[in-house]
């Protein structure tokens, strides 16, 4: 992702802390897996809404990165594997 963003400060990982330290990217441990059921319930009730601007496949990742860097994607960008 650093190659796409051009800046380690624009990359955030939730899993590979050793590589993050080596590459200078940010980390977070604030993933609340214990709250996923509640998030799903709220989403199902229409209370929690996450707007998705567009989905991308792996071969479109450069296009997704460019839209993300424009800071005007109009919602979340999702990578579909």
PDB file of N, CA and C in Angstrom:
ATOM      1  N   UNK A   1       0.805  -1.196   0.000  1.00  0.00           N
ATOM      2  CA  UNK A   1       0.000   0.000   0.000  1.00  0.00           C
ATOM      3  C   UNK A   1       0.850   1.262   0.000  1.00  0.00           C
ATOM      4  N   UNK A   2       2.033   1.197   0.560  1.00  0.00           N
ATOM      5  CA  UNK A   2       2.892   2.379   0.544  1.00  0.00           C
ATOM      6  C   UNK A   2       3.195   2.777  -0.891  1.00  0.00           C
ATOM      7  N   UNK A   3       3.388   1.779  -1.748  1.00  0.00           N
ATOM      8  CA  UNK A   3       3.654   2.077  -3.154  1.00  0.00           C
ATOM      9  C   UNK A   3       2.484   2.807  -3.797  1.00  0.00           C
ATOM     10  N   UNK A   4       1.255   2.499  -3.371  1.00  0.00           N
ATOM     11  CA  UNK A   4       0.075   3.166  -3.926  1.00  0.00           C
ATOM     12  C   UNK A   4      -0.118   4.556  -3.359  1.00  0.00           C
ATOM     13  N   UNK A   5       0.088   4.708  -2.055  1.00  0.00           N
ATOM     14  CA  UNK A   5      -0.168   6.007  -1.428  1.00  0.00           C
ATOM     15  C   UNK A   5       1.023   6.940  -1.509  1.00  0.00           C
ATOM     16  N   UNK A   6       2.230   6.351  -1.575  1.00  0.00           N
ATOM     17  CA  UNK A   6       3.437   7.156  -1.605  1.00  0.00           C
ATOM     18  C   UNK A   6       3.860   7.686  -0.252  1.00  0.00           C
ATOM     19  N   UNK A   7       3.140   7.289   0.798  1.00  0.00           N
ATOM     20  CA  UNK A   7       3.407   7.841   2.116  1.00  0.00           C
ATOM     21  C   UNK A   7       3.005   6.839   3.203  1.00  0.00           C
ATOM     22  N   UNK A   8       3.965   6.354   4.006  1.00  0.00           N
ATOM     23  CA  UNK A   8       3.624   5.406   5.063  1.00  0.00           C
ATOM     24  C   UNK A   8       2.612   5.955   6.074  1.00  0.00           C
ATOM     25  N   UNK A   9       2.533   7.277   6.223  1.00  0.00           N
ATOM     26  CA  UNK A   9       1.564   7.875   7.139  1.00  0.00           C
ATOM     27  C   UNK A   9       0.123   7.694   6.673  1.00  0.00           C
ATOM     28  N   UNK A  10      -0.062   7.331   5.420  1.00  0.00           N
ATOM     29  CA  UNK A  10      -1.415   7.136   4.880  1.00  0.00           C
ATOM     30  C   UNK A  10      -1.839   5.674   4.900  1.00  0.00           C
ATOM     31  N   UNK A  11      -1.023   4.824   5.535  1.00  0.00           N
ATOM     32  CA  UNK A  11      -1.327   3.399   5.615  1.00  0.00           C
ATOM     33  C   UNK A  11      -1.575   3.035   7.071  1.00  0.00           C
ATOM     34  N   UNK A  12      -2.614   2.258   7.306  1.00  0.00           N
ATOM     35  CA  UNK A  12      -2.972   1.813   8.649  1.00  0.00           C
ATOM     36  C   UNK A  12      -3.189   0.303   8.602  1.00  0.00           C
ATOM     37  N   UNK A  13      -2.564  -0.430   9.522  1.00  0.00           N
ATOM     38  CA  UNK A  13      -2.750  -1.875   9.567  1.00  0.00           C
ATOM     39  C   UNK A  13      -3.382  -2.278  10.891  1.00  0.00           C
ATOM     40  N   UNK A  14      -4.090  -3.388  10.850  1.00  0.00           N
ATOM     41  CA  UNK A  14      -4.702  -3.940  12.055  1.00  0.00           C
ATOM     42  C   UNK A  14      -4.110  -5.295  12.397  1.00  0.00           C
ATOM     43  N   UNK A  15      -3.066  -5.712  11.625  1.00  0.00           N
ATOM     44  CA  UNK A  15      -2.596  -7.076  11.851  1.00  0.00           C
ATOM     45  C   UNK A  15      -1.083  -7.265  11.883  1.00  0.00           C
ATOM     46  N   UNK A  16      -0.356  -6.763  10.941  1.00  0.00           N
ATOM     47  CA  UNK A  16       1.069  -7.090  10.834  1.00  0.00           C
ATOM     48  C   UNK A  16       1.915  -6.004  11.498  1.00  0.00           C
ATOM     49  N   UNK A  17       1.997  -6.070  12.826  1.00  0.00           N
ATOM     50  CA  UNK A  17       2.661  -5.013  13.584  1.00  0.00           C
ATOM     51  C   UNK A  17       4.174  -4.992  13.364  1.00  0.00           C
ATOM     52  N   UNK A  18       4.787  -6.142  13.165  1.00  0.00           N
ATOM     53  CA  UNK A  18       6.231  -6.183  12.920  1.00  0.00           C
ATOM     54  C   UNK A  18       6.569  -5.480  11.615  1.00  0.00           C
ATOM     55  N   UNK A  19       5.821  -5.784  10.566  1.00  0.00           N
ATOM     56  CA  UNK A  19       6.057  -5.130   9.276  1.00  0.00           C
ATOM     57  C   UNK A  19       5.746  -3.638   9.366  1.00  0.00           C
ATOM     58  N   UNK A  20       4.728  -3.289  10.139  1.00  0.00           N
ATOM     59  CA  UNK A  20       4.377  -1.873  10.296  1.00  0.00           C
ATOM     60  C   UNK A  20       5.535  -1.102  10.903  1.00  0.00           C
ATOM     61  N   UNK A  21       6.145  -1.677  11.930  1.00  0.00           N
ATOM     62  CA  UNK A  21       7.288  -1.014  12.562  1.00  0.00           C
ATOM     63  C   UNK A  21       8.441  -0.880  11.585  1.00  0.00           C
ATOM     64  N   UNK A  22       8.662  -1.907  10.807  1.00  0.00           N
ATOM     65  CA  UNK A  22       9.769  -1.895   9.832  1.00  0.00           C
ATOM     66  C   UNK A  22       9.530  -0.877   8.722  1.00  0.00           C
ATOM     67  N   UNK A  23       8.282  -0.755   8.298  1.00  0.00           N
ATOM     68  CA  UNK A  23       7.955   0.120   7.166  1.00  0.00           C
ATOM     69  C   UNK A  23       7.542   1.527   7.583  1.00  0.00           C
ATOM     70  N   UNK A  24       7.299   1.717   8.876  1.00  0.00           N
ATOM     71  CA  UNK A  24       6.914   3.037   9.354  1.00  0.00           C
ATOM     72  C   UNK A  24       5.453   3.371   9.144  1.00  0.00           C
ATOM     73  N   UNK A  25       4.593   2.349   9.032  1.00  0.00           N
ATOM     74  CA  UNK A  25       3.164   2.624   8.883  1.00  0.00           C
ATOM     75  C   UNK A  25       2.479   2.594  10.244  1.00  0.00           C
ATOM     76  N   UNK A  26       1.305   3.179  10.311  1.00  0.00           N
ATOM     77  CA  UNK A  26       0.560   3.255  11.563  1.00  0.00           C
ATOM     78  C   UNK A  26      -0.125   1.923  11.865  1.00  0.00           C
ATOM     79  N   UNK A  27      -0.366   1.684  13.142  1.00  0.00           N
ATOM     80  CA  UNK A  27      -1.087   0.485  13.562  1.00  0.00           C
ATOM     81  C   UNK A  27      -2.265   0.887  14.437  1.00  0.00           C
ATOM     82  N   UNK A  28      -3.217  -0.013  14.548  1.00  0.00           N
ATOM     83  CA  UNK A  28      -4.305   0.184  15.495  1.00  0.00           C
ATOM     84  C   UNK A  28      -4.670  -1.158  16.113  1.00  0.00           C
ATOM     85  N   UNK A  29      -5.024  -1.108  17.350  1.00  0.00           N
ATOM     86  CA  UNK A  29      -5.524  -2.294  18.050  1.00  0.00           C
ATOM     87  C   UNK A  29      -6.955  -2.049  18.494  1.00  0.00           C
ATOM     88  N   UNK A  30      -7.579  -1.050  17.912  1.00  0.00           N
ATOM     89  CA  UNK A  30      -8.918  -0.638  18.339  1.00  0.00           C
ATOM     90  C   UNK A  30     -10.040  -1.338  17.585  1.00  0.00           C
ATOM     91  N   UNK A  31      -9.762  -2.492  16.994  1.00  0.00           N
ATOM     92  CA  UNK A  31     -10.811  -3.247  16.326  1.00  0.00           C
ATOM     93  C   UNK A  31     -11.644  -3.929  17.404  1.00  0.00           C
ATOM     94  N   UNK A  32     -12.910  -3.657  17.442  1.00  0.00           N
ATOM     95  CA  UNK A  32     -13.789  -4.197  18.479  1.00  0.00           C
ATOM     96  C   UNK A  32     -14.586  -5.375  17.929  1.00  0.00           C
ATOM     97  N   UNK A  33     -13.908  -6.528  17.797  1.00  0.00           N
ATOM     98  CA  UNK A  33     -14.578  -7.719  17.279  1.00  0.00           C
ATOM     99  C   UNK A  33     -15.767  -8.098  18.150  1.00  0.00           C
ATOM    100  N   UNK A  34     -15.692  -7.796  19.431  1.00  0.00           N
ATOM    101  CA  UNK A  34     -16.788  -8.122  20.339  1.00  0.00           C
ATOM    102  C   UNK A  34     -18.040  -7.282  20.055  1.00  0.00           C
ATOM    103  N   UNK A  35     -17.921  -6.267  19.228  1.00  0.00           N
ATOM    104  CA  UNK A  35     -19.052  -5.395  18.909  1.00  0.00           C
ATOM    105  C   UNK A  35     -19.649  -5.669  17.528  1.00  0.00           C
ATOM    106  N   UNK A  36     -19.082  -6.611  16.769  1.00  0.00           N
ATOM    107  CA  UNK A  36     -19.564  -6.845  15.405  1.00  0.00           C
ATOM    108  C   UNK A  36     -21.045  -7.233  15.363  1.00  0.00           C
ATOM    109  N   UNK A  37     -21.504  -8.042  16.303  1.00  0.00           N
ATOM    110  CA  UNK A  37     -22.916  -8.420  16.310  1.00  0.00           C
ATOM    111  C   UNK A  37     -23.807  -7.192  16.488  1.00  0.00           C
ATOM    112  N   UNK A  38     -23.387  -6.294  17.342  1.00  0.00           N
ATOM    113  CA  UNK A  38     -24.151  -5.064  17.546  1.00  0.00           C
ATOM    114  C   UNK A  38     -24.133  -4.198  16.293  1.00  0.00           C
ATOM    115  N   UNK A  39     -22.982  -4.091  15.637  1.00  0.00           N
ATOM    116  CA  UNK A  39     -22.900  -3.323  14.393  1.00  0.00           C
ATOM    117  C   UNK A  39     -23.833  -3.925  13.338  1.00  0.00           C
ATOM    118  N   UNK A  40     -23.837  -5.259  13.236  1.00  0.00           N
ATOM    119  CA  UNK A  40     -24.706  -5.933  12.261  1.00  0.00           C
ATOM    120  C   UNK A  40     -26.176  -5.665  12.579  1.00  0.00           C
ATOM    121  N   UNK A  41     -26.539  -5.706  13.852  1.00  0.00           N
ATOM    122  CA  UNK A  41     -27.923  -5.432  14.243  1.00  0.00           C
ATOM    123  C   UNK A  41     -28.319  -4.007  13.864  1.00  0.00           C
ATOM    124  N   UNK A  42     -27.455  -3.044  14.182  1.00  0.00           N
ATOM    125  CA  UNK A  42     -27.741  -1.643  13.859  1.00  0.00           C
ATOM    126  C   UNK A  42     -27.844  -1.432  12.351  1.00  0.00           C
ATOM    127  N   UNK A  43     -26.987  -2.088  11.605  1.00  0.00           N
ATOM    128  CA  UNK A  43     -27.051  -1.988  10.145  1.00  0.00           C
ATOM    129  C   UNK A  43     -28.352  -2.590   9.627  1.00  0.00           C
ATOM    130  N   UNK A  44     -28.742  -3.731  10.182  1.00  0.00           N
ATOM    131  CA  UNK A  44     -29.981  -4.376   9.770  1.00  0.00           C
ATOM    132  C   UNK A  44     -31.207  -3.525  10.059  1.00  0.00           C
ATOM    133  N   UNK A  45     -31.150  -2.732  11.105  1.00  0.00           N
ATOM    134  CA  UNK A  45     -32.252  -1.842  11.457  1.00  0.00           C
ATOM    135  C   UNK A  45     -32.189  -0.503  10.715  1.00  0.00           C
ATOM    136  N   UNK A  46     -31.142  -0.303   9.924  1.00  0.00           N
ATOM    137  CA  UNK A  46     -31.002   0.944   9.178  1.00  0.00           C
ATOM    138  C   UNK A  46     -30.479   2.096  10.000  1.00  0.00           C
ATOM    139  N   UNK A  47     -30.017   1.811  11.213  1.00  0.00           N
ATOM    140  CA  UNK A  47     -29.475   2.855  12.083  1.00  0.00           C
ATOM    141  C   UNK A  47     -28.024   3.165  11.718  1.00  0.00           C
ATOM    142  N   UNK A  48     -27.254   2.135  11.454  1.00  0.00           N
ATOM    143  CA  UNK A  48     -25.857   2.286  11.037  1.00  0.00           C
ATOM    144  C   UNK A  48     -25.793   2.122   9.529  1.00  0.00           C
ATOM    145  N   UNK A  49     -25.368   3.163   8.856  1.00  0.00           N
ATOM    146  CA  UNK A  49     -25.282   3.146   7.400  1.00  0.00           C
ATOM    147  C   UNK A  49     -23.874   3.562   6.989  1.00  0.00           C
ATOM    148  N   UNK A  50     -23.253   2.753   6.165  1.00  0.00           N
ATOM    149  CA  UNK A  50     -21.934   3.069   5.644  1.00  0.00           C
ATOM    150  C   UNK A  50     -22.064   3.201   4.134  1.00  0.00           C
ATOM    151  N   UNK A  51     -21.992   4.428   3.621  1.00  0.00           N
ATOM    152  CA  UNK A  51     -22.137   4.614   2.179  1.00  0.00           C
ATOM    153  C   UNK A  51     -20.933   4.045   1.425  1.00  0.00           C
ATOM    154  N   UNK A  52     -21.208   3.257   0.418  1.00  0.00           N
ATOM    155  CA  UNK A  52     -20.159   2.681  -0.426  1.00  0.00           C
ATOM    156  C   UNK A  52     -20.202   3.395  -1.767  1.00  0.00           C
ATOM    157  N   UNK A  53     -19.116   4.062  -2.103  1.00  0.00           N
ATOM    158  CA  UNK A  53     -19.050   4.797  -3.363  1.00  0.00           C
ATOM    159  C   UNK A  53     -18.876   3.849  -4.542  1.00  0.00           C
ATOM    160  N   UNK A  54     -18.021   2.825  -4.324  1.00  0.00           N
ATOM    161  CA  UNK A  54     -17.708   1.925  -5.439  1.00  0.00           C
ATOM    162  C   UNK A  54     -16.948   0.721  -4.923  1.00  0.00           C
ATOM    163  N   UNK A  55     -17.064  -0.382  -5.639  1.00  0.00           N
ATOM    164  CA  UNK A  55     -16.265  -1.565  -5.344  1.00  0.00           C
ATOM    165  C   UNK A  55     -15.236  -1.745  -6.459  1.00  0.00           C
ATOM    166  N   UNK A  56     -14.101  -2.344  -6.088  1.00  0.00           N
ATOM    167  CA  UNK A  56     -13.003  -2.559  -7.031  1.00  0.00           C
ATOM    168  C   UNK A  56     -12.491  -3.981  -6.904  1.00  0.00           C
ATOM    169  N   UNK A  57     -11.980  -4.508  -7.984  1.00  0.00           N
ATOM    170  CA  UNK A  57     -11.278  -5.786  -7.967  1.00  0.00           C
ATOM    171  C   UNK A  57      -9.785  -5.494  -7.822  1.00  0.00           C
ATOM    172  N   UNK A  58      -9.005  -6.532  -7.547  1.00  0.00           N
ATOM    173  CA  UNK A  58      -7.567  -6.322  -7.351  1.00  0.00           C
ATOM    174  C   UNK A  58      -6.892  -5.660  -8.543  1.00  0.00           C
ATOM    175  N   UNK A  59      -7.339  -5.987  -9.743  1.00  0.00           N
ATOM    176  CA  UNK A  59      -6.689  -5.383 -10.914  1.00  0.00           C
ATOM    177  C   UNK A  59      -7.063  -3.912 -11.086  1.00  0.00           C
ATOM    178  N   UNK A  60      -7.999  -3.406 -10.282  1.00  0.00           N
ATOM    179  CA  UNK A  60      -8.391  -1.999 -10.326  1.00  0.00           C
ATOM    180  C   UNK A  60      -7.855  -1.213  -9.132  1.00  0.00           C
ATOM    181  N   UNK A  61      -6.936  -1.779  -8.389  1.00  0.00           N
ATOM    182  CA  UNK A  61      -6.494  -1.161  -7.141  1.00  0.00           C
ATOM    183  C   UNK A  61      -5.841   0.210  -7.361  1.00  0.00           C
ATOM    184  N   UNK A  62      -5.152   0.386  -8.447  1.00  0.00           N
ATOM    185  CA  UNK A  62      -4.538   1.693  -8.725  1.00  0.00           C
ATOM    186  C   UNK A  62      -5.612   2.757  -8.918  1.00  0.00           C
ATOM    187  N   UNK A  63      -6.664   2.413  -9.627  1.00  0.00           N
ATOM    188  CA  UNK A  63      -7.781   3.342  -9.828  1.00  0.00           C
ATOM    189  C   UNK A  63      -8.438   3.695  -8.491  1.00  0.00           C
ATOM    190  N   UNK A  64      -8.609   2.691  -7.637  1.00  0.00           N
ATOM    191  CA  UNK A  64      -9.194   2.924  -6.310  1.00  0.00           C
ATOM    192  C   UNK A  64      -8.301   3.841  -5.488  1.00  0.00           C
ATOM    193  N   UNK A  65      -7.004   3.608  -5.543  1.00  0.00           N
ATOM    194  CA  UNK A  65      -6.068   4.441  -4.779  1.00  0.00           C
ATOM    195  C   UNK A  65      -6.109   5.887  -5.260  1.00  0.00           C
ATOM    196  N   UNK A  66      -6.199   6.083  -6.557  1.00  0.00           N
ATOM    197  CA  UNK A  66      -6.257   7.443  -7.089  1.00  0.00           C
ATOM    198  C   UNK A  66      -7.519   8.169  -6.630  1.00  0.00           C
ATOM    199  N   UNK A  67      -8.655   7.465  -6.636  1.00  0.00           N
ATOM    200  CA  UNK A  67      -9.884   8.088  -6.165  1.00  0.00           C
ATOM    201  C   UNK A  67      -9.795   8.378  -4.667  1.00  0.00           C
ATOM    202  N   UNK A  68      -9.225   7.469  -3.914  1.00  0.00           N
ATOM    203  CA  UNK A  68      -9.057   7.677  -2.484  1.00  0.00           C
ATOM    204  C   UNK A  68      -8.180   8.891  -2.209  1.00  0.00           C
ATOM    205  N   UNK A  69      -7.108   9.029  -2.943  1.00  0.00           N
ATOM    206  CA  UNK A  69      -6.190  10.152  -2.745  1.00  0.00           C
ATOM    207  C   UNK A  69      -6.814  11.479  -3.144  1.00  0.00           C
ATOM    208  N   UNK A  70      -7.837  11.439  -3.987  1.00  0.00           N
ATOM    209  CA  UNK A  70      -8.507  12.678  -4.382  1.00  0.00           C
ATOM    210  C   UNK A  70      -9.298  13.259  -3.209  1.00  0.00           C
ATOM    211  N   UNK A  71      -9.516  12.425  -2.176  1.00  0.00           N
ATOM    212  CA  UNK A  71     -10.270  12.807  -0.976  1.00  0.00           C
ATOM    213  C   UNK A  71     -11.716  13.178  -1.282  1.00  0.00           C
ATOM    214  N   UNK A  72     -12.226  12.703  -2.424  1.00  0.00           N
ATOM    215  CA  UNK A  72     -13.607  12.948  -2.794  1.00  0.00           C
ATOM    216  C   UNK A  72     -14.259  11.682  -3.349  1.00  0.00           C
ATOM    217  N   UNK A  73     -14.125  10.567  -2.666  1.00  0.00           N
ATOM    218  CA  UNK A  73     -14.704   9.342  -3.226  1.00  0.00           C
ATOM    219  C   UNK A  73     -16.224   9.271  -3.114  1.00  0.00           C
ATOM    220  N   UNK A  74     -16.837  10.047  -2.225  1.00  0.00           N
ATOM    221  CA  UNK A  74     -18.291  10.011  -2.076  1.00  0.00           C
ATOM    222  C   UNK A  74     -18.790   8.839  -1.257  1.00  0.00           C
ATOM    223  N   UNK A  75     -17.924   8.208  -0.518  1.00  0.00           N
ATOM    224  CA  UNK A  75     -18.272   7.054   0.309  1.00  0.00           C
ATOM    225  C   UNK A  75     -17.058   6.152   0.444  1.00  0.00           C
ATOM    226  N   UNK A  76     -17.273   4.997   1.032  1.00  0.00           N
ATOM    227  CA  UNK A  76     -16.178   4.034   1.215  1.00  0.00           C
ATOM    228  C   UNK A  76     -15.868   3.343  -0.104  1.00  0.00           C
ATOM    229  N   UNK A  77     -14.613   3.029  -0.288  1.00  0.00           N
ATOM    230  CA  UNK A  77     -14.169   2.248  -1.436  1.00  0.00           C
ATOM    231  C   UNK A  77     -13.887   0.847  -0.945  1.00  0.00           C
ATOM    232  N   UNK A  78     -14.447  -0.156  -1.597  1.00  0.00           N
ATOM    233  CA  UNK A  78     -14.305  -1.533  -1.145  1.00  0.00           C
ATOM    234  C   UNK A  78     -13.523  -2.349  -2.164  1.00  0.00           C
ATOM    235  N   UNK A  79     -12.591  -3.120  -1.643  1.00  0.00           N
ATOM    236  CA  UNK A  79     -11.812  -4.038  -2.472  1.00  0.00           C
ATOM    237  C   UNK A  79     -12.473  -5.404  -2.384  1.00  0.00           C
ATOM    238  N   UNK A  80     -12.918  -5.935  -3.508  1.00  0.00           N
ATOM    239  CA  UNK A  80     -13.601  -7.229  -3.554  1.00  0.00           C
ATOM    240  C   UNK A  80     -12.622  -8.258  -4.069  1.00  0.00           C
ATOM    241  N   UNK A  81     -12.378  -9.255  -3.242  1.00  0.00           N
ATOM    242  CA  UNK A  81     -11.428 -10.306  -3.615  1.00  0.00           C
ATOM    243  C   UNK A  81     -12.116 -11.446  -4.295  1.00  0.00           C
TER     244      UNK A  81
END
